[in-house]
Amino acid sequence: MGQVGTGPGATTLSVSEFLSLPFAERVRAILGDSLRFFSGGEPIDRGVALRALRVRNVEPR
């Protein structure tokens, strides 16, 4: 799960919702430091979360 934005305007998204965002919007959130990731309600390291997303979306060869 991820949260885009900060403060009261933040939006919480599931993994599938985050991945369905336009690519440019995902990159902007990641590079703009306005994205936080959670697992089981606990914050997790951005690098760990992004690696997990990449592995999740790689098709088996």
N, C-alpha and C. Protein backbone atom coordinates (compact mmCIF):
# COMPACT_ATOMS: atom_id res chain seq x y z
N MET A 1 0.85 -1.16 0.00
CA MET A 1 0.00 0.00 0.00
C MET A 1 0.89 1.23 0.00
N GLY A 2 0.44 2.26 -0.66
CA GLY A 2 1.21 3.48 -0.71
C GLY A 2 0.35 4.69 -0.42
N GLN A 3 1.01 5.75 -0.03
CA GLN A 3 0.32 7.00 0.22
C GLN A 3 0.99 8.07 -0.61
N VAL A 4 0.22 8.76 -1.44
CA VAL A 4 0.74 9.81 -2.30
C VAL A 4 0.30 11.14 -1.74
N GLY A 5 1.25 12.05 -1.57
CA GLY A 5 0.96 13.37 -1.03
C GLY A 5 1.22 13.40 0.46
N THR A 6 1.04 14.57 1.03
CA THR A 6 1.26 14.74 2.46
C THR A 6 0.09 15.51 3.04
N GLY A 7 -0.07 15.40 4.33
CA GLY A 7 -1.12 16.14 5.02
C GLY A 7 -2.51 15.64 4.68
N PRO A 8 -3.51 16.52 4.86
CA PRO A 8 -4.89 16.09 4.65
C PRO A 8 -5.22 15.76 3.20
N GLY A 9 -4.41 16.21 2.24
CA GLY A 9 -4.66 15.92 0.84
C GLY A 9 -4.05 14.61 0.35
N ALA A 10 -3.46 13.84 1.25
CA ALA A 10 -2.80 12.58 0.87
C ALA A 10 -3.83 11.56 0.41
N THR A 11 -3.45 10.75 -0.55
CA THR A 11 -4.30 9.70 -1.09
C THR A 11 -3.66 8.36 -0.81
N THR A 12 -4.43 7.42 -0.26
CA THR A 12 -3.93 6.08 -0.02
C THR A 12 -4.36 5.19 -1.18
N LEU A 13 -3.38 4.44 -1.71
CA LEU A 13 -3.63 3.59 -2.87
C LEU A 13 -3.17 2.17 -2.60
N SER A 14 -3.89 1.20 -3.15
CA SER A 14 -3.43 -0.19 -3.13
C SER A 14 -2.31 -0.31 -4.16
N VAL A 15 -1.65 -1.44 -4.18
CA VAL A 15 -0.58 -1.67 -5.15
C VAL A 15 -1.14 -1.56 -6.57
N SER A 16 -2.27 -2.20 -6.83
CA SER A 16 -2.83 -2.16 -8.19
C SER A 16 -3.27 -0.75 -8.57
N GLU A 17 -3.79 0.01 -7.62
CA GLU A 17 -4.17 1.40 -7.91
C GLU A 17 -2.95 2.24 -8.23
N PHE A 18 -1.87 2.04 -7.46
CA PHE A 18 -0.64 2.79 -7.72
C PHE A 18 -0.10 2.45 -9.11
N LEU A 19 -0.08 1.17 -9.44
CA LEU A 19 0.46 0.76 -10.74
C LEU A 19 -0.43 1.19 -11.90
N SER A 20 -1.70 1.47 -11.64
CA SER A 20 -2.58 1.92 -12.71
C SER A 20 -2.47 3.43 -12.96
N LEU A 21 -1.76 4.15 -12.09
CA LEU A 21 -1.53 5.57 -12.35
C LEU A 21 -0.68 5.72 -13.60
N PRO A 22 -0.85 6.82 -14.31
CA PRO A 22 0.03 7.06 -15.45
C PRO A 22 1.50 7.05 -15.00
N PHE A 23 2.35 6.53 -15.86
CA PHE A 23 3.77 6.38 -15.53
C PHE A 23 4.37 7.70 -15.03
N ALA A 24 4.08 8.79 -15.73
CA ALA A 24 4.64 10.10 -15.36
C ALA A 24 4.22 10.49 -13.94
N GLU A 25 2.99 10.19 -13.57
CA GLU A 25 2.52 10.52 -12.23
C GLU A 25 3.23 9.68 -11.16
N ARG A 26 3.46 8.40 -11.47
CA ARG A 26 4.20 7.55 -10.52
C ARG A 26 5.62 8.06 -10.33
N VAL A 27 6.29 8.39 -11.44
CA VAL A 27 7.67 8.88 -11.36
C VAL A 27 7.71 10.19 -10.58
N ARG A 28 6.78 11.10 -10.86
CA ARG A 28 6.73 12.39 -10.18
C ARG A 28 6.58 12.19 -8.67
N ALA A 29 5.71 11.26 -8.26
CA ALA A 29 5.50 11.00 -6.83
C ALA A 29 6.76 10.42 -6.19
N ILE A 30 7.44 9.52 -6.90
CA ILE A 30 8.65 8.90 -6.36
C ILE A 30 9.77 9.92 -6.24
N LEU A 31 10.02 10.66 -7.31
CA LEU A 31 11.12 11.63 -7.31
C LEU A 31 10.81 12.87 -6.49
N GLY A 32 9.53 13.19 -6.36
CA GLY A 32 9.13 14.37 -5.59
C GLY A 32 9.08 14.12 -4.10
N ASP A 33 9.43 12.94 -3.69
CA ASP A 33 9.47 12.58 -2.27
C ASP A 33 8.10 12.74 -1.60
N SER A 34 7.02 12.51 -2.37
CA SER A 34 5.69 12.63 -1.79
C SER A 34 5.00 11.28 -1.70
N LEU A 35 5.79 10.22 -1.72
CA LEU A 35 5.23 8.87 -1.72
C LEU A 35 5.80 8.09 -0.55
N ARG A 36 4.90 7.47 0.22
CA ARG A 36 5.32 6.61 1.33
C ARG A 36 4.68 5.25 1.13
N PHE A 37 5.41 4.20 1.51
CA PHE A 37 4.92 2.83 1.35
C PHE A 37 4.69 2.20 2.72
N PHE A 38 3.68 1.34 2.77
CA PHE A 38 3.33 0.66 4.01
C PHE A 38 3.08 -0.82 3.74
N SER A 39 3.35 -1.63 4.74
CA SER A 39 3.03 -3.05 4.71
C SER A 39 2.44 -3.39 6.07
N GLY A 40 1.22 -3.86 6.07
CA GLY A 40 0.56 -4.17 7.33
C GLY A 40 0.40 -2.95 8.21
N GLY A 41 0.26 -1.78 7.59
CA GLY A 41 0.08 -0.55 8.35
C GLY A 41 1.37 0.08 8.84
N GLU A 42 2.49 -0.59 8.65
CA GLU A 42 3.78 -0.07 9.09
C GLU A 42 4.55 0.50 7.91
N PRO A 43 5.19 1.66 8.08
CA PRO A 43 5.98 2.22 6.99
C PRO A 43 7.16 1.31 6.64
N ILE A 44 7.45 1.21 5.34
CA ILE A 44 8.61 0.43 4.91
C ILE A 44 9.50 1.30 4.03
N ASP A 45 10.74 0.92 3.91
CA ASP A 45 11.73 1.64 3.13
C ASP A 45 11.29 1.74 1.67
N ARG A 46 11.42 2.92 1.10
CA ARG A 46 11.01 3.16 -0.29
C ARG A 46 11.75 2.23 -1.26
N GLY A 47 13.05 2.05 -1.07
CA GLY A 47 13.83 1.18 -1.95
C GLY A 47 13.34 -0.25 -1.91
N VAL A 48 13.05 -0.74 -0.73
CA VAL A 48 12.53 -2.10 -0.56
C VAL A 48 11.18 -2.23 -1.28
N ALA A 49 10.31 -1.24 -1.10
CA ALA A 49 8.99 -1.28 -1.72
C ALA A 49 9.09 -1.23 -3.25
N LEU A 50 9.95 -0.36 -3.77
CA LEU A 50 10.07 -0.24 -5.22
C LEU A 50 10.67 -1.50 -5.83
N ARG A 51 11.62 -2.13 -5.15
CA ARG A 51 12.17 -3.41 -5.64
C ARG A 51 11.08 -4.48 -5.66
N ALA A 52 10.25 -4.51 -4.62
CA ALA A 52 9.16 -5.49 -4.57
C ALA A 52 8.16 -5.26 -5.70
N LEU A 53 7.88 -4.00 -6.01
CA LEU A 53 6.98 -3.71 -7.14
C LEU A 53 7.59 -4.16 -8.45
N ARG A 54 8.89 -3.93 -8.62
CA ARG A 54 9.56 -4.32 -9.86
C ARG A 54 9.53 -5.83 -10.02
N VAL A 55 9.83 -6.56 -8.97
CA VAL A 55 9.85 -8.03 -9.02
C VAL A 55 8.43 -8.55 -9.28
N ARG A 56 7.44 -7.92 -8.68
CA ARG A 56 6.05 -8.33 -8.84
C ARG A 56 5.58 -8.19 -10.29
N ASN A 57 6.14 -7.25 -11.01
CA ASN A 57 5.66 -6.95 -12.37
C ASN A 57 6.55 -7.48 -13.47
N VAL A 58 7.57 -8.27 -13.12
CA VAL A 58 8.43 -8.87 -14.13
C VAL A 58 7.80 -10.19 -14.55
N GLU A 59 7.60 -10.35 -15.83
CA GLU A 59 7.00 -11.58 -16.34
C GLU A 59 8.05 -12.69 -16.39
N PRO A 60 7.67 -13.91 -15.99
CA PRO A 60 8.63 -15.02 -16.05
C PRO A 60 9.08 -15.27 -17.49
N ARG A 61 10.32 -15.64 -17.62
CA ARG A 61 10.86 -15.92 -18.97
C ARG A 61 10.71 -17.36 -19.33
